[in-house]
Amino acid sequence: MDLEERIARRRSARRGRAVVVDHDQLSPVVHRPDPIGRGPVLEQLLDALEAVFDGELPPPVAVVGPSGSGTTAIVTALFGALNERLGEPTRAIGTTTRAASSKPVTWFIHVDGRRVESDFAFYRTVLSVVSNNHVPESGVGTADLRDRLAERLSRPDRKAIVAIDHHDEPQTLSYGRVRELLEPLADSVSTVAVGQEPPDEWTDDQPIVTVPAYRQHELVDVLTDRVSTGLAAGSLDHQTIRDVAMWADGNAHDALAVLFSAASLATEEGSDRIEPEHLETARVDVPNESVHLDRVLTLSETRQQVLADLVTVDSEEQPIRAVATEIAERSELTRGTVKRFLYELADQGIIERVPLEATGSGRRPSAVVPRFPTIAFEELTE
């Protein structure tokens, strides 16, 4: 963001005395294109991918780090920059034979396992990056997309590096399955596994780039940068930013969720600054080991609506069947469907089952509570 744009945002905010200048700058689900404080990790990943600068394929590499450490931001930022350099001839390939033969091309594709759940969607995601033509969303088969991709990579000077992100989360495309899908293209494609842990099939001699949790001063820098562009001047002091960073213990997602939620509460009250009570409410709303909000936002619209209703009911003291009944009365879903969704979401770790006191000799009932920041979730889904 250039200086003129920063000034324009501030002027606009001060006219209306708004706390929030730009929600996206504070959002825990938005990644900045320039990761702060991650230079050494970027260098390690570049070392692992070094072969691409000689037109060769690097071996598969795993990028691992705890929740909120910025693994996705690092990979997407680096892949974007590498595409600008090594993928530049892509446009020329479609128009100029001489340009196509003069330089090798390596494409860097980030595949979000949270959003790509089928073989068809996987091939379409990869093909949409390497193809000059429109890739259909329907009307063709999975085999057709695979064949198109194989044709696109058939020349020896065309290669692709495919990163599969969040491969180790429930309900996502696994790294093993991605390797199977890319097997027919093995001579032209290498992979990067991105997650909290390396794939189960990873061996000791395969490279791993470890992304540590943010150190406190690094997280302070991240938050300060976000606040400087996301909030109006004077809305939050630097010491408060340091306190949030210390509380978050290296987890950028949780820290941003607190600031985003506190800003939402301040805006709702018509305050021109974020007060201590806004921050305290926001901290309490972020569970320990919270689920990343982006994971919640990739759920189906129906399941998100069930969660939105769950947030508004007193779910901590009621058994699941009673909660399901109350949610069903607010929607077009049946109680049985809502109950099934709640159990599924609990199995996925999105919500948590909490035992209630037994009322008889039968099975002990349980309640459900969200494992994600609810204030930020409500703001993002509005």
Protein backbone atom coordinates (compact mmCIF):
# COMPACT_ATOMS: atom_id res chain seq x y z
CA MET A 1 0.00 0.00 0.00
CA ASP A 2 1.55 3.34 -1.04
CA LEU A 3 1.77 6.46 1.11
CA GLU A 4 -0.91 8.40 -0.77
CA GLU A 5 -3.41 5.59 -0.23
CA ARG A 6 -2.61 5.48 3.48
CA ILE A 7 -3.21 9.23 3.78
CA ALA A 8 -6.48 9.03 1.84
CA ARG A 9 -7.76 6.29 4.13
CA ARG A 10 -6.94 8.33 7.23
CA ARG A 11 -8.64 11.45 5.91
CA SER A 12 -11.76 9.48 5.04
CA ALA A 13 -11.88 7.86 8.49
CA ARG A 14 -11.40 11.10 10.40
CA ARG A 15 -14.29 12.79 8.59
CA GLY A 16 -16.69 10.22 10.01
CA ARG A 17 -14.71 9.54 13.21
CA ALA A 18 -14.80 5.86 12.33
CA VAL A 19 -12.62 3.45 14.30
CA VAL A 20 -12.10 1.07 11.38
CA VAL A 21 -10.47 2.40 8.24
CA ASP A 22 -10.21 -0.94 6.43
CA HIS A 23 -11.68 -4.17 7.81
CA ASP A 24 -9.51 -6.33 5.53
CA GLN A 25 -6.32 -4.99 7.07
CA LEU A 26 -7.43 -6.32 10.48
CA SER A 27 -9.11 -9.50 9.27
CA PRO A 28 -7.58 -12.75 10.58
CA VAL A 29 -8.52 -14.47 7.30
CA VAL A 30 -6.77 -11.98 4.99
CA HIS A 31 -3.06 -12.49 4.24
CA ARG A 32 -0.83 -9.56 3.42
CA PRO A 33 1.31 -10.01 0.26
CA ASP A 34 4.47 -9.15 2.20
CA PRO A 35 4.89 -11.34 5.33
CA ILE A 36 6.58 -9.41 8.12
CA GLY A 37 9.45 -10.94 10.08
CA ARG A 38 9.64 -14.08 7.96
CA GLY A 39 12.81 -13.39 5.96
CA PRO A 40 14.81 -16.38 7.29
CA VAL A 41 11.94 -18.79 6.59
CA LEU A 42 11.51 -17.43 3.07
CA GLU A 43 15.24 -17.97 2.49
CA GLN A 44 14.98 -21.58 3.70
CA LEU A 45 12.08 -22.24 1.35
CA LEU A 46 13.97 -20.63 -1.53
CA ASP A 47 16.91 -22.93 -0.72
CA ALA A 48 14.58 -25.94 -0.93
CA LEU A 49 13.27 -24.73 -4.31
CA GLU A 50 16.70 -23.69 -5.62
CA ALA A 51 16.59 -26.09 -8.57
CA VAL A 52 13.83 -24.10 -10.29
CA PHE A 53 16.32 -21.35 -11.10
CA ASP A 54 18.19 -23.85 -13.28
CA GLY A 55 15.00 -25.03 -14.96
CA GLU A 56 14.93 -28.24 -12.93
CA LEU A 57 12.37 -29.73 -10.55
CA PRO A 58 13.20 -29.57 -6.84
CA PRO A 59 12.36 -32.53 -4.61
CA PRO A 60 9.09 -32.39 -2.65
CA VAL A 61 9.31 -30.21 0.44
CA ALA A 62 7.11 -29.83 3.53
CA VAL A 63 6.39 -26.45 5.13
CA VAL A 64 5.17 -26.94 8.68
CA GLY A 65 4.24 -24.60 11.50
CA PRO A 66 1.72 -24.17 14.31
CA SER A 67 -1.62 -22.45 13.81
CA GLY A 68 -1.22 -18.72 13.37
CA SER A 69 2.44 -18.89 12.34
CA GLY A 70 1.78 -17.72 8.78
CA THR A 71 2.58 -20.82 6.73
CA THR A 72 -0.09 -19.96 4.16
CA ALA A 73 0.98 -16.33 3.94
CA ILE A 74 4.61 -17.35 3.38
CA VAL A 75 3.85 -19.85 0.62
CA THR A 76 1.32 -17.68 -1.22
CA ALA A 77 3.58 -14.63 -1.08
CA LEU A 78 6.61 -16.54 -2.35
CA PHE A 79 4.67 -18.36 -5.04
CA GLY A 80 3.21 -15.07 -6.25
CA ALA A 81 6.66 -13.52 -6.51
CA LEU A 82 8.12 -16.58 -8.25
CA ASN A 83 5.28 -16.65 -10.75
CA GLU A 84 6.06 -13.05 -11.64
CA ARG A 85 9.63 -14.07 -12.46
CA LEU A 86 9.59 -17.64 -13.69
CA GLY A 87 6.04 -17.65 -15.00
CA GLU A 88 6.30 -14.43 -17.00
CA PRO A 89 6.66 -16.12 -20.40
CA THR A 90 3.19 -17.69 -19.94
CA ARG A 91 1.45 -14.94 -21.89
CA ALA A 92 4.06 -15.07 -24.61
CA ILE A 93 3.64 -18.82 -25.00
CA GLY A 94 0.12 -18.34 -26.27
CA THR A 95 1.12 -15.71 -28.84
CA THR A 96 4.75 -16.04 -29.88
CA THR A 97 6.47 -19.27 -30.82
CA ARG A 98 9.92 -17.73 -30.54
CA ALA A 99 9.20 -16.46 -27.01
CA ALA A 100 7.84 -19.86 -26.04
CA SER A 101 11.02 -21.63 -27.07
CA SER A 102 13.45 -19.10 -25.63
CA LYS A 103 12.73 -19.46 -21.92
CA PRO A 104 11.62 -22.33 -19.71
CA VAL A 105 8.47 -21.79 -17.68
CA THR A 106 7.77 -22.94 -14.13
CA TRP A 107 4.35 -22.27 -12.66
CA PHE A 108 3.75 -22.10 -8.92
CA ILE A 109 0.24 -23.16 -7.86
CA HIS A 110 -1.19 -22.85 -4.37
CA VAL A 111 -4.07 -25.27 -3.78
CA ASP A 112 -6.18 -24.58 -0.69
CA GLY A 113 -7.20 -27.99 0.63
CA ARG A 114 -10.03 -26.37 2.59
CA ARG A 115 -11.71 -25.28 -0.63
CA VAL A 116 -10.62 -27.99 -3.08
CA GLU A 117 -12.28 -31.19 -1.96
CA SER A 118 -12.61 -33.23 -5.16
CA ASP A 119 -10.35 -34.55 -7.90
CA PHE A 120 -12.17 -32.39 -10.46
CA ALA A 121 -11.72 -29.23 -8.38
CA PHE A 122 -8.04 -30.01 -7.89
CA TYR A 123 -7.31 -30.39 -11.60
CA ARG A 124 -9.34 -27.30 -12.36
CA THR A 125 -7.41 -25.23 -9.80
CA VAL A 126 -4.05 -26.28 -11.22
CA LEU A 127 -5.14 -25.91 -14.84
CA SER A 128 -6.54 -22.42 -14.23
CA VAL A 129 -3.01 -21.25 -13.40
CA VAL A 130 -1.09 -22.93 -16.22
CA SER A 131 -3.66 -22.54 -19.01
CA ASN A 132 -4.11 -19.52 -21.24
CA ASN A 133 -7.69 -20.57 -21.96
CA HIS A 134 -10.81 -20.50 -19.82
CA VAL A 135 -11.17 -23.62 -17.71
CA PRO A 136 -14.80 -24.83 -17.55
CA GLU A 137 -16.45 -25.30 -14.18
CA SER A 138 -18.79 -28.00 -15.47
CA GLY A 139 -19.71 -29.90 -18.62
CA VAL A 140 -16.42 -31.82 -18.81
CA GLY A 141 -15.10 -34.79 -16.92
CA THR A 142 -12.20 -35.10 -14.51
CA ALA A 143 -10.23 -37.15 -17.05
CA ASP A 144 -10.62 -34.38 -19.62
CA LEU A 145 -9.12 -31.80 -17.24
CA ARG A 146 -6.27 -34.18 -16.41
CA ASP A 147 -5.54 -34.67 -20.11
CA ARG A 148 -5.59 -30.91 -20.72
CA LEU A 149 -3.12 -30.42 -17.90
CA ALA A 150 -0.88 -33.19 -19.22
CA GLU A 151 -0.89 -31.58 -22.67
CA ARG A 152 -0.02 -28.19 -21.18
CA LEU A 153 2.97 -29.68 -19.35
CA SER A 154 4.04 -32.03 -22.15
CA ARG A 155 6.99 -29.91 -23.26
CA PRO A 156 10.25 -30.43 -21.37
CA ASP A 157 10.63 -26.70 -20.67
CA ARG A 158 7.31 -26.46 -18.81
CA LYS A 159 7.11 -27.45 -15.17
CA ALA A 160 4.88 -26.80 -12.18
CA ILE A 161 5.31 -26.67 -8.41
CA VAL A 162 2.04 -27.47 -6.63
CA ALA A 163 1.56 -26.60 -2.96
CA ILE A 164 -1.28 -28.41 -1.18
CA ASP A 165 -2.22 -26.35 1.86
CA HIS A 166 -4.02 -27.58 5.01
CA HIS A 167 -3.52 -31.18 3.86
CA ASP A 168 -3.61 -32.42 7.48
CA GLU A 169 -7.01 -30.98 8.45
CA PRO A 170 -10.27 -32.97 8.51
CA GLN A 171 -12.34 -32.96 5.34
CA THR A 172 -9.50 -31.73 3.12
CA LEU A 173 -7.68 -33.22 0.16
CA SER A 174 -4.78 -35.25 1.55
CA TYR A 175 -1.21 -34.98 0.35
CA GLY A 176 -1.21 -38.66 -0.57
CA ARG A 177 -4.23 -38.18 -2.81
CA VAL A 178 -2.61 -35.18 -4.48
CA ARG A 179 0.46 -37.28 -5.28
CA GLU A 180 -1.81 -39.89 -6.84
CA LEU A 181 -3.56 -37.28 -8.97
CA LEU A 182 -0.22 -35.89 -10.16
CA GLU A 183 1.38 -39.29 -10.81
CA PRO A 184 0.74 -39.14 -14.60
CA LEU A 185 2.59 -35.79 -14.59
CA ALA A 186 5.43 -36.82 -12.26
CA ASP A 187 8.17 -35.79 -14.69
CA SER A 188 6.83 -32.22 -14.86
CA VAL A 189 5.50 -31.55 -11.36
CA SER A 190 6.87 -31.34 -7.84
CA THR A 191 4.93 -30.72 -4.64
CA VAL A 192 4.99 -28.68 -1.45
CA ALA A 193 3.02 -29.96 1.54
CA VAL A 194 1.84 -27.12 3.79
CA GLY A 195 0.34 -27.81 7.20
CA GLN A 196 0.95 -28.12 10.91
CA GLU A 197 2.65 -31.48 10.44
CA PRO A 198 4.43 -33.16 7.52
CA PRO A 199 2.47 -35.85 5.65
CA ASP A 200 2.35 -39.29 7.26
CA GLU A 201 4.35 -40.74 4.37
CA TRP A 202 7.19 -38.22 4.79
CA THR A 203 10.63 -39.77 5.26
CA ASP A 204 13.56 -38.54 7.34
CA ASP A 205 15.62 -37.61 4.28
CA GLN A 206 12.93 -35.38 2.74
CA PRO A 207 13.36 -31.63 3.36
CA ILE A 208 11.20 -29.81 5.90
CA VAL A 209 11.01 -26.02 6.30
CA THR A 210 9.85 -25.25 9.83
CA VAL A 211 7.91 -22.04 10.47
CA PRO A 212 8.13 -21.17 14.19
CA ALA A 213 5.46 -19.33 16.09
CA TYR A 214 5.98 -15.57 16.01
CA ARG A 215 8.26 -14.18 18.66
CA GLN A 216 6.65 -11.38 20.62
CA HIS A 217 8.47 -8.51 18.89
CA GLU A 218 7.72 -10.03 15.48
CA LEU A 219 4.03 -10.29 16.29
CA VAL A 220 4.05 -6.70 17.58
CA ASP A 221 5.43 -5.63 14.20
CA VAL A 222 2.73 -7.60 12.38
CA LEU A 223 -0.06 -6.10 14.49
CA THR A 224 1.37 -2.59 14.30
CA ASP A 225 1.46 -2.80 10.51
CA ARG A 226 -2.12 -4.04 10.37
CA VAL A 227 -3.37 -1.44 12.84
CA SER A 228 -1.62 1.41 11.01
CA THR A 229 -3.65 0.71 7.87
CA GLY A 230 -6.77 -0.83 9.40
CA LEU A 231 -7.62 1.57 12.24
CA ALA A 232 -7.97 5.33 12.48
CA ALA A 233 -5.13 7.16 14.21
CA GLY A 234 -5.52 7.25 17.97
CA SER A 235 -7.87 4.26 18.10
CA LEU A 236 -5.32 2.03 19.80
CA ASP A 237 -2.04 2.74 21.57
CA HIS A 238 1.20 0.81 21.09
CA GLN A 239 1.26 -0.65 24.60
CA THR A 240 -2.12 -2.26 24.00
CA ILE A 241 -0.78 -3.83 20.83
CA ARG A 242 2.13 -5.25 22.84
CA ASP A 243 -0.31 -6.62 25.43
CA VAL A 244 -2.36 -8.37 22.73
CA ALA A 245 0.81 -9.84 21.21
CA MET A 246 1.93 -11.14 24.60
CA TRP A 247 -1.51 -12.66 25.24
CA ALA A 248 -1.61 -14.35 21.82
CA ASP A 249 1.70 -16.14 22.52
CA GLY A 250 2.91 -16.17 18.91
CA ASN A 251 -0.44 -16.89 17.23
CA ALA A 252 -1.15 -14.14 14.69
CA HIS A 253 -4.65 -15.47 13.93
CA ASP A 254 -5.76 -15.18 17.55
CA ALA A 255 -4.17 -11.75 17.97
CA LEU A 256 -5.87 -10.41 14.85
CA ALA A 257 -9.16 -12.00 15.89
CA VAL A 258 -9.00 -10.03 19.15
CA LEU A 259 -8.27 -6.73 17.40
CA PHE A 260 -10.87 -7.38 14.70
CA SER A 261 -13.52 -8.28 17.29
CA ALA A 262 -12.66 -5.36 19.57
CA ALA A 263 -12.91 -2.96 16.64
CA SER A 264 -16.30 -4.44 15.76
CA LEU A 265 -17.53 -3.93 19.34
CA ALA A 266 -16.26 -0.33 19.38
CA THR A 267 -17.97 0.40 16.07
CA GLU A 268 -21.22 -1.14 17.31
CA GLU A 269 -21.15 1.16 20.35
CA GLY A 270 -20.31 4.22 18.26
CA SER A 271 -17.01 4.71 20.07
CA ASP A 272 -14.17 6.55 18.34
CA ARG A 273 -11.52 4.33 19.96
CA ILE A 274 -11.09 0.78 21.20
CA GLU A 275 -11.57 0.71 24.95
CA PRO A 276 -10.19 -1.84 27.46
CA GLU A 277 -13.64 -3.44 27.88
CA HIS A 278 -13.83 -4.06 24.12
CA LEU A 279 -10.48 -5.83 24.21
CA GLU A 280 -11.36 -7.88 27.28
CA THR A 281 -14.63 -9.08 25.71
CA ALA A 282 -12.76 -9.94 22.53
CA ARG A 283 -10.08 -11.90 24.42
CA VAL A 284 -12.65 -13.97 26.28
CA ASP A 285 -14.34 -14.74 22.94
CA VAL A 286 -11.21 -16.38 21.48
CA PRO A 287 -10.96 -19.97 22.80
CA ASN A 288 -7.70 -21.62 23.73
CA GLU A 289 -6.34 -23.43 20.65
CA SER A 290 -9.08 -21.81 18.61
CA VAL A 291 -10.10 -23.06 15.19
CA HIS A 292 -8.93 -20.80 12.37
CA LEU A 293 -11.83 -18.68 11.13
CA ASP A 294 -10.97 -19.37 7.51
CA ARG A 295 -11.67 -23.04 8.15
CA VAL A 296 -15.12 -22.16 9.49
CA LEU A 297 -15.83 -19.90 6.50
CA THR A 298 -15.16 -22.76 4.06
CA LEU A 299 -18.09 -24.74 5.45
CA SER A 300 -21.28 -24.92 3.44
CA GLU A 301 -23.71 -22.01 3.72
CA THR A 302 -26.19 -24.20 5.58
CA ARG A 303 -23.65 -25.28 8.18
CA GLN A 304 -22.47 -21.70 8.62
CA GLN A 305 -26.07 -20.69 9.28
CA VAL A 306 -26.39 -23.41 11.91
CA LEU A 307 -23.25 -22.04 13.57
CA ALA A 308 -24.58 -18.49 13.36
CA ASP A 309 -27.74 -19.63 15.17
CA LEU A 310 -25.70 -21.63 17.66
CA VAL A 311 -23.81 -18.47 18.63
CA THR A 312 -27.07 -16.73 19.55
CA VAL A 313 -28.59 -19.49 21.71
CA ASP A 314 -27.62 -20.52 25.22
CA SER A 315 -25.89 -23.71 24.13
CA GLU A 316 -23.55 -24.25 27.08
CA GLU A 317 -26.25 -25.33 29.52
CA GLN A 318 -28.59 -27.23 27.17
CA PRO A 319 -28.24 -30.75 25.77
CA ILE A 320 -27.64 -31.02 22.04
CA ARG A 321 -31.20 -32.15 21.29
CA ALA A 322 -32.62 -29.00 22.93
CA VAL A 323 -30.17 -26.78 21.07
CA ALA A 324 -31.06 -28.52 17.79
CA THR A 325 -34.75 -27.90 18.45
CA GLU A 326 -34.19 -24.20 19.11
CA ILE A 327 -32.05 -23.76 15.99
CA ALA A 328 -34.54 -25.69 13.82
CA GLU A 329 -37.32 -23.34 14.92
CA ARG A 330 -35.32 -20.45 13.45
CA SER A 331 -34.67 -22.09 10.10
CA GLU A 332 -36.14 -24.35 7.44
CA LEU A 333 -34.06 -27.29 8.65
CA THR A 334 -35.51 -30.14 10.64
CA ARG A 335 -34.34 -30.85 14.17
CA GLY A 336 -32.82 -34.13 12.98
CA THR A 337 -30.78 -32.35 10.30
CA VAL A 338 -29.54 -29.71 12.72
CA LYS A 339 -28.62 -32.37 15.28
CA ARG A 340 -26.68 -34.30 12.63
CA PHE A 341 -24.84 -31.13 11.60
CA LEU A 342 -23.91 -30.39 15.21
CA TYR A 343 -22.47 -33.87 15.70
CA GLU A 344 -20.54 -33.61 12.42
CA LEU A 345 -19.14 -30.21 13.35
CA ALA A 346 -18.11 -31.58 16.75
CA ASP A 347 -16.34 -34.52 15.08
CA GLN A 348 -14.47 -32.02 12.87
CA GLY A 349 -13.43 -29.99 15.92
CA ILE A 350 -15.30 -26.84 14.84
CA ILE A 351 -17.41 -27.02 17.98
CA GLU A 352 -16.80 -28.96 21.18
CA ARG A 353 -19.04 -31.32 23.11
CA VAL A 354 -19.09 -30.54 26.84
CA PRO A 355 -20.57 -33.11 29.29
CA LEU A 356 -23.55 -31.95 31.36
CA GLU A 357 -24.61 -33.26 34.73
CA ALA A 358 -26.44 -36.55 34.47
CA THR A 359 -30.19 -36.29 35.12
CA GLY A 360 -30.90 -39.99 35.44
CA SER A 361 -29.53 -43.44 34.82
CA GLY A 362 -29.34 -43.04 31.04
CA ARG A 363 -26.55 -41.71 28.83
CA ARG A 364 -24.94 -38.54 30.13
CA PRO A 365 -26.07 -35.58 27.98
CA SER A 366 -23.66 -33.11 26.44
CA ALA A 367 -23.80 -29.49 25.34
CA VAL A 368 -21.86 -27.89 22.48
CA VAL A 369 -19.75 -24.73 22.45
CA PRO A 370 -17.95 -23.00 19.55
CA ARG A 371 -14.19 -23.44 19.25
CA PHE A 372 -13.77 -20.36 17.07
CA PRO A 373 -13.97 -16.58 17.74
CA THR A 374 -17.71 -15.92 17.49
CA ILE A 375 -17.66 -12.10 17.38
CA ALA A 376 -15.31 -12.09 14.40
CA PHE A 377 -17.30 -14.92 12.78
CA GLU A 378 -20.54 -12.92 13.01
CA GLU A 379 -18.84 -9.81 11.61
CA LEU A 380 -17.27 -11.73 8.70
CA THR A 381 -20.47 -13.55 7.78
CA GLU A 382 -22.56 -10.39 7.76
